[in-house]
Amino acid sequence: MAKLDIYLARHGQTAANAAGVLQGSSINPPLNELGRRQANALAIAMKDEQLDWIVTSGLDRAIETANTVAKYHENTPFLSDSRLNEISWGEQDGVNISEAKTVVDKVAHGWMNGDFDAKIAGGESANEAKARILEAFTDILKVARERNYRKIAVCIHGRIMRVIMGTLVSKDLSKMHHFPHTNCCYHQIRVELDDDAESAVDPEQLTFEPIRIDVRGHLADLGKL
């Protein structure tokens, strides 16, 4: 059995983050100045990790963050996968969080209580997000096993990070809220993969061990997070 460490990192801050705007999959701004500094701090924190692969969502804020990390990992394979995009908040995407709070809280409360099909009009449910995450991680783990990777970084988004942790670590989406995060923090999780390249890879049947959660010390001197 080979151990694989996965570093799940959230993207740096954007102007939408700073303005308190609900930033789902249809909102695609670049990093702002603080976000670029956060990404650089994350990159420095991870520069000695000998990453074998850097994977990111298909949204600009995650790609920019991942590219910053990649500066310290020359020739490391890089993949952008839209299945890792942030969850869609539907008609509330781009709305100020204070205005969307009642609607979002109702859906989030549903998820906490086991209604994983709850969603905002035009948006995505926790179960729908989970389905694409499982597809993405099945492929990620297959490649990691085939290429004998030991460390990979996955640059993603706040809510989808929670869906991943609830799906892979807790095996219970209602516990996704147990994992705090901020811009450019990271979680380190570990999984053992069967050496048999022909055997199936099913993330739901594997045990993902949390090694470090919400690592953010590298951001301490950057101001308000």
Protein backbone atom coordinates (compact mmCIF):
# COMPACT_ATOMS: atom_id res chain seq x y z
CA MET A 1 0.00 0.00 0.00
CA ALA A 2 1.32 3.42 -0.96
CA LYS A 3 0.52 6.54 1.04
CA LEU A 4 -0.63 9.65 -0.81
CA ASP A 5 -0.75 13.06 0.87
CA ILE A 6 -3.27 15.50 -0.58
CA TYR A 7 -3.02 19.21 0.22
CA LEU A 8 -6.42 20.84 -0.27
CA ALA A 9 -5.81 24.58 -0.55
CA ARG A 10 -8.36 27.35 -0.89
CA HIS A 11 -7.73 30.13 -3.41
CA GLY A 12 -6.60 33.63 -2.44
CA GLN A 13 -8.94 36.54 -1.83
CA THR A 14 -10.76 38.28 -4.68
CA ALA A 15 -12.49 41.65 -4.81
CA ALA A 16 -15.79 39.75 -4.53
CA ASN A 17 -14.59 38.08 -1.32
CA ALA A 18 -13.53 41.42 0.09
CA ALA A 19 -16.90 42.97 -0.80
CA GLY A 20 -18.84 40.16 0.88
CA VAL A 21 -20.32 38.84 -2.35
CA LEU A 22 -21.51 35.24 -2.62
CA GLN A 23 -19.00 33.75 -5.03
CA GLY A 24 -20.21 30.54 -6.63
CA SER A 25 -19.22 28.81 -9.84
CA SER A 26 -20.61 31.52 -12.14
CA ILE A 27 -18.54 34.27 -10.50
CA ASN A 28 -15.01 34.27 -11.90
CA PRO A 29 -12.86 37.20 -10.72
CA PRO A 30 -9.06 37.19 -10.43
CA LEU A 31 -7.22 37.54 -7.14
CA ASN A 32 -6.94 41.00 -5.63
CA GLU A 33 -3.67 42.32 -4.20
CA LEU A 34 -4.18 40.68 -0.81
CA GLY A 35 -5.15 37.46 -2.58
CA ARG A 36 -1.91 37.49 -4.56
CA ARG A 37 0.07 37.98 -1.35
CA GLN A 38 -1.86 35.13 0.26
CA ALA A 39 -1.12 32.89 -2.71
CA ASN A 40 2.56 33.74 -2.46
CA ALA A 41 2.56 32.95 1.27
CA LEU A 42 0.90 29.61 0.51
CA ALA A 43 3.47 28.90 -2.18
CA ILE A 44 6.34 29.60 0.20
CA ALA A 45 4.72 27.41 2.87
CA MET A 46 4.52 24.52 0.38
CA LYS A 47 7.77 25.02 -1.51
CA ASP A 48 9.61 22.20 0.30
CA GLU A 49 6.80 19.64 -0.01
CA GLN A 50 8.17 18.04 -3.21
CA LEU A 51 4.80 18.04 -4.91
CA ASP A 52 4.33 15.46 -7.66
CA TRP A 53 1.23 17.06 -9.14
CA ILE A 54 -0.71 20.31 -8.89
CA VAL A 55 -4.44 20.18 -9.64
CA THR A 56 -6.84 23.11 -9.69
CA SER A 57 -10.43 23.93 -10.47
CA GLY A 58 -11.25 25.64 -13.75
CA LEU A 59 -11.94 29.05 -12.19
CA ASP A 60 -9.44 31.90 -12.47
CA ARG A 61 -8.98 32.52 -8.74
CA ALA A 62 -7.97 28.90 -8.14
CA ILE A 63 -5.81 28.69 -11.27
CA GLU A 64 -3.94 31.86 -10.33
CA THR A 65 -3.34 30.54 -6.82
CA ALA A 66 -2.16 27.17 -8.15
CA ASN A 67 0.15 28.84 -10.66
CA THR A 68 1.74 30.76 -7.81
CA VAL A 69 2.36 27.52 -5.92
CA ALA A 70 3.77 26.00 -9.11
CA LYS A 71 6.53 28.64 -9.29
CA TYR A 72 8.43 26.63 -6.68
CA HIS A 73 7.78 23.30 -8.40
CA GLU A 74 9.27 23.51 -11.88
CA ASN A 75 8.29 20.73 -14.25
CA THR A 76 5.58 19.48 -11.89
CA PRO A 77 2.52 18.33 -13.90
CA PHE A 78 -0.40 20.78 -13.73
CA LEU A 79 -4.07 20.02 -14.37
CA SER A 80 -7.18 22.23 -14.40
CA ASP A 81 -10.43 20.30 -13.83
CA SER A 82 -13.80 22.07 -13.88
CA ARG A 83 -15.31 19.28 -11.78
CA LEU A 84 -13.51 20.94 -8.86
CA ASN A 85 -15.22 24.30 -9.42
CA GLU A 86 -17.03 26.02 -6.57
CA ILE A 87 -20.62 25.02 -5.91
CA SER A 88 -23.25 26.97 -7.82
CA TRP A 89 -25.43 29.24 -5.70
CA GLY A 90 -27.79 29.74 -8.63
CA GLU A 91 -29.75 32.99 -8.58
CA GLN A 92 -27.83 34.08 -5.46
CA ASP A 93 -24.42 34.00 -7.16
CA GLY A 94 -23.01 37.52 -7.11
CA VAL A 95 -25.45 38.73 -4.43
CA ASN A 96 -24.13 40.33 -1.27
CA ILE A 97 -23.93 37.72 1.47
CA SER A 98 -25.98 39.87 3.83
CA GLU A 99 -28.84 39.91 1.30
CA ALA A 100 -28.53 36.20 0.45
CA LYS A 101 -28.14 35.08 4.05
CA THR A 102 -31.71 33.92 4.68
CA VAL A 103 -31.84 31.81 1.52
CA VAL A 104 -28.34 30.39 1.92
CA ASP A 105 -28.82 29.63 5.61
CA LYS A 106 -31.99 27.68 4.84
CA VAL A 107 -30.16 25.47 2.36
CA ALA A 108 -27.12 25.07 4.62
CA HIS A 109 -29.40 24.15 7.53
CA GLY A 110 -30.97 21.50 5.31
CA TRP A 111 -27.54 20.04 4.55
CA MET A 112 -26.62 19.99 8.23
CA ASN A 113 -29.79 18.00 8.88
CA GLY A 114 -29.41 15.48 6.09
CA ASP A 115 -31.34 17.12 3.23
CA PHE A 116 -28.52 16.97 0.73
CA ASP A 117 -30.84 17.60 -2.20
CA ALA A 118 -31.71 21.08 -0.92
CA LYS A 119 -30.52 23.87 -3.20
CA ILE A 120 -31.09 27.47 -4.19
CA ALA A 121 -33.15 28.08 -7.34
CA GLY A 122 -30.89 27.54 -10.33
CA GLY A 123 -28.11 26.28 -8.09
CA GLU A 124 -26.51 23.03 -7.07
CA SER A 125 -27.31 20.67 -4.22
CA ALA A 126 -24.73 19.08 -1.94
CA ASN A 127 -25.45 15.71 -3.56
CA GLU A 128 -24.87 17.13 -7.04
CA ALA A 129 -21.58 18.67 -5.95
CA LYS A 130 -20.60 15.40 -4.25
CA ALA A 131 -21.22 13.43 -7.45
CA ARG A 132 -18.78 15.49 -9.53
CA ILE A 133 -16.23 15.54 -6.71
CA LEU A 134 -16.29 11.75 -6.53
CA GLU A 135 -15.80 11.55 -10.30
CA ALA A 136 -12.86 13.97 -10.13
CA PHE A 137 -11.17 12.24 -7.21
CA THR A 138 -11.62 8.80 -8.74
CA ASP A 139 -9.61 10.04 -11.72
CA ILE A 140 -7.08 11.91 -9.55
CA LEU A 141 -6.41 8.84 -7.41
CA LYS A 142 -6.09 6.57 -10.46
CA VAL A 143 -3.44 8.84 -11.96
CA ALA A 144 -1.63 9.21 -8.63
CA ARG A 145 -1.45 5.44 -8.24
CA GLU A 146 -0.36 4.80 -11.82
CA ARG A 147 2.42 7.39 -11.58
CA ASN A 148 3.44 6.57 -7.99
CA TYR A 149 2.74 10.10 -6.79
CA ARG A 150 3.19 10.71 -3.08
CA LYS A 151 2.19 14.36 -2.69
CA ILE A 152 -0.33 16.40 -4.66
CA ALA A 153 -1.82 19.86 -4.16
CA VAL A 154 -5.44 20.55 -5.09
CA CYS A 155 -6.41 24.23 -5.29
CA ILE A 156 -10.13 24.76 -4.84
CA HIS A 157 -12.88 26.81 -3.17
CA GLY A 158 -14.40 27.17 0.28
CA ARG A 159 -17.72 25.37 -0.06
CA ILE A 160 -16.45 22.68 -2.38
CA MET A 161 -13.58 22.11 0.07
CA ARG A 162 -16.20 21.42 2.73
CA VAL A 163 -18.02 19.04 0.40
CA ILE A 164 -14.75 17.20 -0.22
CA MET A 165 -13.96 16.92 3.48
CA GLY A 166 -17.49 15.78 4.28
CA THR A 167 -17.37 13.22 1.48
CA LEU A 168 -13.85 11.85 1.85
CA VAL A 169 -12.89 12.37 5.49
CA SER A 170 -16.14 12.34 7.48
CA LYS A 171 -18.09 10.16 5.02
CA ASP A 172 -21.05 12.32 6.04
CA LEU A 173 -22.00 15.53 4.24
CA SER A 174 -23.84 16.80 7.31
CA LYS A 175 -20.41 17.19 8.93
CA MET A 176 -18.94 19.35 6.18
CA HIS A 177 -19.38 22.40 8.41
CA HIS A 178 -16.90 20.96 10.91
CA PHE A 179 -13.99 22.06 8.73
CA PRO A 180 -13.20 25.80 8.96
CA HIS A 181 -11.21 27.58 6.29
CA THR A 182 -9.99 30.94 5.08
CA ASN A 183 -8.40 32.15 1.85
CA CYS A 184 -5.18 30.22 1.14
CA CYS A 185 -5.40 27.95 4.15
CA TYR A 186 -4.95 24.24 3.48
CA HIS A 187 -5.96 20.84 4.82
CA GLN A 188 -3.56 17.91 4.56
CA ILE A 189 -5.22 14.51 4.25
CA ARG A 190 -3.66 11.09 3.66
CA VAL A 191 -4.93 7.99 1.91
CA GLU A 192 -3.41 4.56 1.27
CA LEU A 193 -3.77 3.28 -2.28
CA ASP A 194 -3.66 -0.34 -3.40
CA ASP A 195 -0.51 -1.11 -5.39
CA ASP A 196 -2.54 -3.09 -7.93
CA ALA A 197 -2.92 -0.72 -10.87
CA GLU A 198 -5.77 -2.84 -12.24
CA SER A 199 -7.98 -2.67 -9.16
CA ALA A 200 -10.82 -0.18 -8.97
CA VAL A 201 -10.45 3.13 -7.16
CA ASP A 202 -13.51 4.18 -5.18
CA PRO A 203 -12.96 7.25 -2.96
CA GLU A 204 -16.04 6.38 -0.92
CA GLN A 205 -14.47 3.06 0.10
CA LEU A 206 -11.09 4.53 1.06
CA THR A 207 -10.10 6.01 4.42
CA PHE A 208 -8.81 9.57 4.24
CA GLU A 209 -6.93 10.52 7.39
CA PRO A 210 -6.86 14.20 8.41
CA ILE A 211 -3.22 15.08 9.13
CA ARG A 212 -3.49 18.87 9.45
CA ILE A 213 -6.66 20.93 9.27
CA ASP A 214 -7.04 24.62 8.45
CA VAL A 215 -3.33 25.39 8.33
CA ARG A 216 -3.07 29.18 8.16
CA GLY A 217 0.01 30.20 10.13
CA HIS A 218 1.73 31.29 6.92
CA LEU A 219 -0.95 34.00 6.56
CA ALA A 220 -0.48 35.56 9.99
CA ASP A 221 1.34 38.70 8.85
CA LEU A 222 -0.84 39.53 5.85
CA GLY A 223 -3.57 41.52 7.54
CA LYS A 224 -7.30 40.86 7.70
CA LEU A 225 -8.42 37.45 6.43
